[in-house]
Each structure stands twice: as structure tokens, then as C-alpha cells.
Amino acid sequence: QVQLVESGGGLVQAGGSLRLSCVASRFIFNTMNWYRQAPGKQRELVATITIGSSTYYADSVKGRFTISRDVAENTMYLQMKNLTPEDTAVYYCNLRRGASDYWGQGTQVTVSS
């Protein structure tokens, strides 16, 4: 079993920055993802970091968000810059290990215009 705990969300003005953190109880060195879900919308993949530390970003965040991982701290990060109201959502940390998916409880990000 893996526990994931996100933090770092909050209210920020458009153009501002936030850094989200996801602490994993174990198995940090697997493919990990940040997803987000806005009200009335489906959950969408925002960014991925693979076992080999390759990264992937959704087109909507490319150039503004950076995913990273600190194995020693068992923590994954999402640095978000130039935030827009369209980035408002609950952000979820996900760890994929084999056939198993683990999720955090989510952290709310609200961007005001």
C-alpha cells in the first residue's frame, strides 16, 4: 500500500506561482503523475515523470509547469508559474506501480483574475 499526501495549493492571482508537493510513503521511484479536475470537467493528466525521469506535459501547461522528484525526500513536486484562472482545479498526485494506481486526496488551486 502507498499513501500519497499533497500540499501547497491555495489562492493566487493570475500570473502568480505555486509549488505543489506530494509526499509518498514508499515507492517514489515509479512513474508518477499530477492530474487535475476542474468543476464539471473530467480529471485530466497535467504532467508525468517516469522511472527514467523523462517528463511529459499537457499542452495547456507546457512551458509554465515543471514536474520534479526528490527521491531522498520521497517527494514529487509541481512548480506552476504564470497561472491563469483556467488552471483552477483540484490537483491530485498519482503513483503507478505495475497494475496498481495510488491517489492522494487532492489539493485545491484557485487562480483569481
N, C-alpha and C. Protein backbone atom coordinates (compact mmCIF):
# COMPACT_ATOMS: atom_id res chain seq x y z
N GLN A 1 0.85 -1.19 0.00
CA GLN A 1 0.00 0.00 0.00
C GLN A 1 0.89 1.25 0.00
N VAL A 2 0.40 2.28 -0.66
CA VAL A 2 1.14 3.54 -0.76
C VAL A 2 0.21 4.67 -0.34
N GLN A 3 0.69 5.52 0.51
CA GLN A 3 -0.05 6.73 0.86
C GLN A 3 0.61 7.94 0.19
N LEU A 4 -0.22 8.78 -0.38
CA LEU A 4 0.24 10.00 -1.04
C LEU A 4 -0.45 11.19 -0.40
N VAL A 5 0.34 12.19 -0.04
CA VAL A 5 -0.22 13.37 0.61
C VAL A 5 0.25 14.62 -0.13
N GLU A 6 -0.73 15.33 -0.71
CA GLU A 6 -0.42 16.56 -1.44
C GLU A 6 -0.50 17.77 -0.51
N SER A 7 0.22 18.79 -0.87
CA SER A 7 0.13 20.08 -0.17
C SER A 7 0.60 21.17 -1.11
N GLY A 8 0.37 22.42 -0.70
CA GLY A 8 0.88 23.54 -1.47
C GLY A 8 -0.16 24.30 -2.27
N GLY A 9 -1.38 23.78 -2.29
CA GLY A 9 -2.43 24.50 -3.01
C GLY A 9 -2.82 25.78 -2.28
N GLY A 10 -3.65 26.57 -2.96
CA GLY A 10 -4.10 27.80 -2.34
C GLY A 10 -4.71 28.74 -3.34
N LEU A 11 -4.91 29.97 -2.92
CA LEU A 11 -5.48 31.02 -3.77
C LEU A 11 -4.35 31.94 -4.22
N VAL A 12 -4.30 32.18 -5.52
CA VAL A 12 -3.26 33.01 -6.09
C VAL A 12 -3.85 33.85 -7.22
N GLN A 13 -3.28 35.00 -7.44
CA GLN A 13 -3.75 35.85 -8.54
C GLN A 13 -3.18 35.36 -9.86
N ALA A 14 -3.86 35.67 -10.93
CA ALA A 14 -3.39 35.33 -12.26
C ALA A 14 -1.98 35.89 -12.46
N GLY A 15 -1.13 35.07 -13.04
CA GLY A 15 0.26 35.44 -13.23
C GLY A 15 1.17 35.00 -12.10
N GLY A 16 0.57 34.52 -11.03
CA GLY A 16 1.34 34.09 -9.87
C GLY A 16 1.86 32.67 -10.00
N SER A 17 2.50 32.22 -8.92
CA SER A 17 3.12 30.90 -8.91
C SER A 17 2.73 30.13 -7.65
N LEU A 18 2.76 28.83 -7.77
CA LEU A 18 2.58 27.93 -6.64
C LEU A 18 3.46 26.72 -6.86
N ARG A 19 3.87 26.08 -5.76
CA ARG A 19 4.55 24.80 -5.88
C ARG A 19 3.80 23.76 -5.06
N LEU A 20 3.35 22.74 -5.75
CA LEU A 20 2.67 21.62 -5.10
C LEU A 20 3.68 20.55 -4.73
N SER A 21 3.42 19.89 -3.61
CA SER A 21 4.25 18.78 -3.17
C SER A 21 3.40 17.54 -2.98
N CYS A 22 4.00 16.40 -3.20
CA CYS A 22 3.34 15.12 -2.96
C CYS A 22 4.34 14.21 -2.26
N VAL A 23 4.06 13.91 -1.02
CA VAL A 23 4.93 13.01 -0.26
C VAL A 23 4.37 11.60 -0.35
N ALA A 24 5.22 10.67 -0.75
CA ALA A 24 4.83 9.27 -0.87
C ALA A 24 5.39 8.46 0.29
N SER A 25 4.58 7.52 0.79
CA SER A 25 5.05 6.70 1.91
C SER A 25 6.13 5.71 1.46
N ARG A 26 6.08 5.36 0.19
CA ARG A 26 7.05 4.42 -0.37
C ARG A 26 6.95 4.43 -1.89
N PHE A 27 7.91 3.72 -2.53
CA PHE A 27 7.89 3.50 -3.97
C PHE A 27 7.88 4.78 -4.79
N ILE A 28 8.57 5.80 -4.32
CA ILE A 28 8.61 7.06 -5.04
C ILE A 28 9.24 6.88 -6.42
N PHE A 29 10.10 5.87 -6.59
CA PHE A 29 10.83 5.72 -7.85
C PHE A 29 10.02 4.87 -8.81
N ASN A 30 8.86 5.39 -9.16
CA ASN A 30 7.98 4.80 -10.16
C ASN A 30 7.44 5.94 -11.02
N THR A 31 6.69 5.59 -12.04
CA THR A 31 6.04 6.63 -12.81
C THR A 31 5.03 7.35 -11.92
N MET A 32 5.16 8.66 -11.89
CA MET A 32 4.26 9.47 -11.07
C MET A 32 3.68 10.59 -11.91
N ASN A 33 2.48 10.98 -11.54
CA ASN A 33 1.72 11.93 -12.33
C ASN A 33 1.05 12.97 -11.45
N TRP A 34 0.81 14.11 -12.04
CA TRP A 34 -0.11 15.11 -11.49
C TRP A 34 -1.32 15.17 -12.42
N TYR A 35 -2.48 15.03 -11.83
CA TYR A 35 -3.74 15.22 -12.54
C TYR A 35 -4.45 16.43 -11.92
N ARG A 36 -5.45 16.92 -12.64
CA ARG A 36 -6.29 17.95 -12.06
C ARG A 36 -7.73 17.76 -12.54
N GLN A 37 -8.63 18.24 -11.72
CA GLN A 37 -10.05 18.17 -12.07
C GLN A 37 -10.71 19.47 -11.70
N ALA A 38 -11.23 20.15 -12.72
CA ALA A 38 -11.96 21.39 -12.52
C ALA A 38 -13.45 21.06 -12.35
N PRO A 39 -14.21 21.95 -11.72
CA PRO A 39 -15.63 21.69 -11.52
C PRO A 39 -16.34 21.41 -12.83
N GLY A 40 -17.10 20.32 -12.86
CA GLY A 40 -17.87 19.97 -14.05
C GLY A 40 -17.05 19.38 -15.18
N LYS A 41 -15.77 19.13 -14.95
CA LYS A 41 -14.92 18.59 -16.01
C LYS A 41 -14.31 17.26 -15.57
N GLN A 42 -13.84 16.51 -16.55
CA GLN A 42 -13.17 15.25 -16.26
C GLN A 42 -11.77 15.50 -15.73
N ARG A 43 -11.29 14.54 -14.97
CA ARG A 43 -9.93 14.62 -14.49
C ARG A 43 -8.98 14.52 -15.68
N GLU A 44 -7.97 15.36 -15.73
CA GLU A 44 -7.04 15.37 -16.85
C GLU A 44 -5.60 15.25 -16.36
N LEU A 45 -4.79 14.61 -17.17
CA LEU A 45 -3.38 14.48 -16.87
C LEU A 45 -2.67 15.80 -17.14
N VAL A 46 -1.89 16.24 -16.18
CA VAL A 46 -1.17 17.51 -16.30
C VAL A 46 0.31 17.27 -16.61
N ALA A 47 0.93 16.37 -15.85
CA ALA A 47 2.37 16.14 -16.03
C ALA A 47 2.73 14.76 -15.51
N THR A 48 3.78 14.19 -16.11
CA THR A 48 4.27 12.85 -15.76
C THR A 48 5.77 12.89 -15.61
N ILE A 49 6.26 12.12 -14.64
CA ILE A 49 7.70 11.86 -14.55
C ILE A 49 7.86 10.34 -14.48
N THR A 50 8.67 9.79 -15.37
CA THR A 50 8.79 8.34 -15.47
C THR A 50 9.89 7.81 -14.55
N ILE A 51 10.00 6.48 -14.54
CA ILE A 51 11.06 5.85 -13.75
C ILE A 51 12.42 6.38 -14.18
N GLY A 52 12.58 6.59 -15.47
CA GLY A 52 13.84 7.12 -16.00
C GLY A 52 13.95 8.62 -15.93
N SER A 53 12.97 9.27 -15.27
CA SER A 53 12.94 10.71 -15.08
C SER A 53 12.67 11.51 -16.36
N SER A 54 12.13 10.84 -17.38
CA SER A 54 11.60 11.59 -18.51
C SER A 54 10.33 12.29 -18.06
N THR A 55 10.04 13.41 -18.69
CA THR A 55 8.86 14.18 -18.29
C THR A 55 7.94 14.41 -19.48
N TYR A 56 6.66 14.57 -19.14
CA TYR A 56 5.63 14.83 -20.14
C TYR A 56 4.72 15.90 -19.56
N TYR A 57 4.24 16.79 -20.44
CA TYR A 57 3.33 17.84 -20.01
C TYR A 57 2.15 17.96 -20.97
N ALA A 58 1.00 18.23 -20.42
CA ALA A 58 -0.14 18.57 -21.25
C ALA A 58 0.17 19.87 -21.98
N ASP A 59 -0.37 20.01 -23.18
CA ASP A 59 -0.10 21.21 -23.97
C ASP A 59 -0.50 22.48 -23.23
N SER A 60 -1.56 22.39 -22.44
CA SER A 60 -2.07 23.58 -21.78
C SER A 60 -1.13 24.12 -20.70
N VAL A 61 -0.17 23.30 -20.24
CA VAL A 61 0.72 23.75 -19.17
C VAL A 61 2.18 23.77 -19.59
N LYS A 62 2.45 23.31 -20.78
CA LYS A 62 3.83 23.22 -21.26
C LYS A 62 4.48 24.61 -21.24
N GLY A 63 5.68 24.65 -20.69
CA GLY A 63 6.40 25.92 -20.59
C GLY A 63 6.09 26.71 -19.33
N ARG A 64 5.04 26.30 -18.60
CA ARG A 64 4.65 27.02 -17.37
C ARG A 64 4.82 26.14 -16.14
N PHE A 65 4.62 24.84 -16.27
CA PHE A 65 4.70 23.90 -15.15
C PHE A 65 5.94 23.04 -15.29
N THR A 66 6.51 22.68 -14.16
CA THR A 66 7.67 21.79 -14.12
C THR A 66 7.46 20.71 -13.07
N ILE A 67 7.56 19.45 -13.50
CA ILE A 67 7.44 18.33 -12.58
C ILE A 67 8.84 17.87 -12.20
N SER A 68 9.01 17.50 -10.93
CA SER A 68 10.31 17.02 -10.49
C SER A 68 10.11 16.06 -9.32
N ARG A 69 11.20 15.41 -8.94
CA ARG A 69 11.10 14.40 -7.88
C ARG A 69 12.38 14.43 -7.06
N ASP A 70 12.25 14.35 -5.76
CA ASP A 70 13.38 14.22 -4.84
C ASP A 70 13.26 12.85 -4.19
N VAL A 71 14.06 11.91 -4.69
CA VAL A 71 13.95 10.54 -4.20
C VAL A 71 14.32 10.45 -2.72
N ALA A 72 15.32 11.21 -2.32
CA ALA A 72 15.76 11.17 -0.92
C ALA A 72 14.65 11.63 0.03
N GLU A 73 13.83 12.55 -0.44
CA GLU A 73 12.74 13.08 0.39
C GLU A 73 11.40 12.40 0.11
N ASN A 74 11.41 11.42 -0.81
CA ASN A 74 10.16 10.73 -1.19
C ASN A 74 9.08 11.72 -1.61
N THR A 75 9.48 12.75 -2.31
CA THR A 75 8.56 13.83 -2.64
C THR A 75 8.62 14.16 -4.12
N MET A 76 7.44 14.37 -4.69
CA MET A 76 7.31 14.86 -6.06
C MET A 76 6.77 16.28 -5.99
N TYR A 77 7.19 17.10 -6.94
CA TYR A 77 6.78 18.49 -6.95
C TYR A 77 6.14 18.86 -8.29
N LEU A 78 5.34 19.90 -8.25
CA LEU A 78 4.84 20.53 -9.46
C LEU A 78 4.99 22.04 -9.26
N GLN A 79 5.97 22.61 -9.94
CA GLN A 79 6.16 24.05 -9.90
C GLN A 79 5.29 24.67 -10.98
N MET A 80 4.42 25.57 -10.59
CA MET A 80 3.46 26.18 -11.51
C MET A 80 3.71 27.69 -11.57
N LYS A 81 3.91 28.19 -12.78
CA LYS A 81 4.17 29.63 -12.97
C LYS A 81 3.16 30.19 -13.96
N ASN A 82 3.05 31.51 -13.97
CA ASN A 82 2.14 32.18 -14.90
C ASN A 82 0.75 31.55 -14.87
N LEU A 83 0.25 31.37 -13.68
CA LEU A 83 -1.05 30.72 -13.53
C LEU A 83 -2.17 31.58 -14.10
N THR A 84 -3.17 30.91 -14.64
CA THR A 84 -4.35 31.56 -15.19
C THR A 84 -5.59 30.99 -14.50
N PRO A 85 -6.73 31.69 -14.59
CA PRO A 85 -7.96 31.14 -13.99
C PRO A 85 -8.31 29.75 -14.52
N GLU A 86 -7.87 29.43 -15.73
CA GLU A 86 -8.16 28.11 -16.30
C GLU A 86 -7.39 27.00 -15.58
N ASP A 87 -6.41 27.35 -14.79
CA ASP A 87 -5.68 26.36 -14.01
C ASP A 87 -6.38 26.01 -12.69
N THR A 88 -7.47 26.69 -12.40
CA THR A 88 -8.21 26.42 -11.18
C THR A 88 -8.77 25.00 -11.20
N ALA A 89 -8.43 24.22 -10.19
CA ALA A 89 -8.84 22.82 -10.13
C ALA A 89 -8.35 22.20 -8.83
N VAL A 90 -8.82 21.00 -8.57
CA VAL A 90 -8.20 20.18 -7.53
C VAL A 90 -7.10 19.38 -8.20
N TYR A 91 -5.91 19.44 -7.63
CA TYR A 91 -4.75 18.76 -8.20
C TYR A 91 -4.47 17.49 -7.40
N TYR A 92 -4.30 16.39 -8.11
CA TYR A 92 -4.10 15.09 -7.49
C TYR A 92 -2.75 14.50 -7.89
N CYS A 93 -2.12 13.91 -6.92
CA CYS A 93 -0.89 13.16 -7.12
C CYS A 93 -1.25 11.70 -7.39
N ASN A 94 -0.56 11.09 -8.33
CA ASN A 94 -0.82 9.70 -8.70
C ASN A 94 0.50 8.95 -8.83
N LEU A 95 0.52 7.76 -8.30
CA LEU A 95 1.68 6.88 -8.45
C LEU A 95 1.22 5.60 -9.11
N ARG A 96 1.90 5.20 -10.13
CA ARG A 96 1.54 3.98 -10.86
C ARG A 96 2.65 2.96 -10.67
N ARG A 97 2.30 1.82 -10.09
CA ARG A 97 3.27 0.75 -9.85
C ARG A 97 2.68 -0.55 -10.35
N GLY A 98 3.19 -1.03 -11.47
CA GLY A 98 2.62 -2.23 -12.06
C GLY A 98 1.19 -1.96 -12.48
N ALA A 99 0.29 -2.81 -12.02
CA ALA A 99 -1.13 -2.67 -12.35
C ALA A 99 -1.87 -1.82 -11.32
N SER A 100 -1.15 -1.28 -10.35
CA SER A 100 -1.80 -0.56 -9.26
C SER A 100 -1.65 0.94 -9.43
N ASP A 101 -2.72 1.66 -9.11
CA ASP A 101 -2.76 3.11 -9.13
C ASP A 101 -3.05 3.60 -7.72
N TYR A 102 -2.28 4.57 -7.29
CA TYR A 102 -2.49 5.16 -5.97
C TYR A 102 -2.72 6.66 -6.14
N TRP A 103 -3.63 7.20 -5.31
CA TRP A 103 -4.02 8.61 -5.43
C TRP A 103 -3.93 9.30 -4.08
N GLY A 104 -3.60 10.56 -4.14
CA GLY A 104 -3.69 11.41 -2.96
C GLY A 104 -5.10 11.96 -2.83
N GLN A 105 -5.29 12.77 -1.80
CA GLN A 105 -6.62 13.30 -1.51
C GLN A 105 -6.91 14.57 -2.31
N GLY A 106 -5.89 15.14 -2.90
CA GLY A 106 -6.06 16.34 -3.72
C GLY A 106 -5.78 17.61 -2.95
N THR A 107 -5.37 18.63 -3.68
CA THR A 107 -5.15 19.95 -3.09
C THR A 107 -5.75 20.99 -4.04
N GLN A 108 -6.49 21.93 -3.48
CA GLN A 108 -7.22 22.90 -4.29
C GLN A 108 -6.30 24.04 -4.72
N VAL A 109 -6.33 24.34 -6.00
CA VAL A 109 -5.65 25.51 -6.54
C VAL A 109 -6.70 26.43 -7.14
N THR A 110 -6.74 27.65 -6.69
CA THR A 110 -7.69 28.63 -7.20
C THR A 110 -6.93 29.85 -7.68
N VAL A 111 -7.16 30.20 -8.95
CA VAL A 111 -6.48 31.35 -9.55
C VAL A 111 -7.51 32.41 -9.84
N SER A 112 -7.34 33.56 -9.25
CA SER A 112 -8.29 34.67 -9.45
C SER A 112 -7.80 35.58 -10.57
N SER A 113 -8.77 36.15 -11.28
CA SER A 113 -8.41 37.01 -12.41
C SER A 113 -8.22 38.45 -11.97
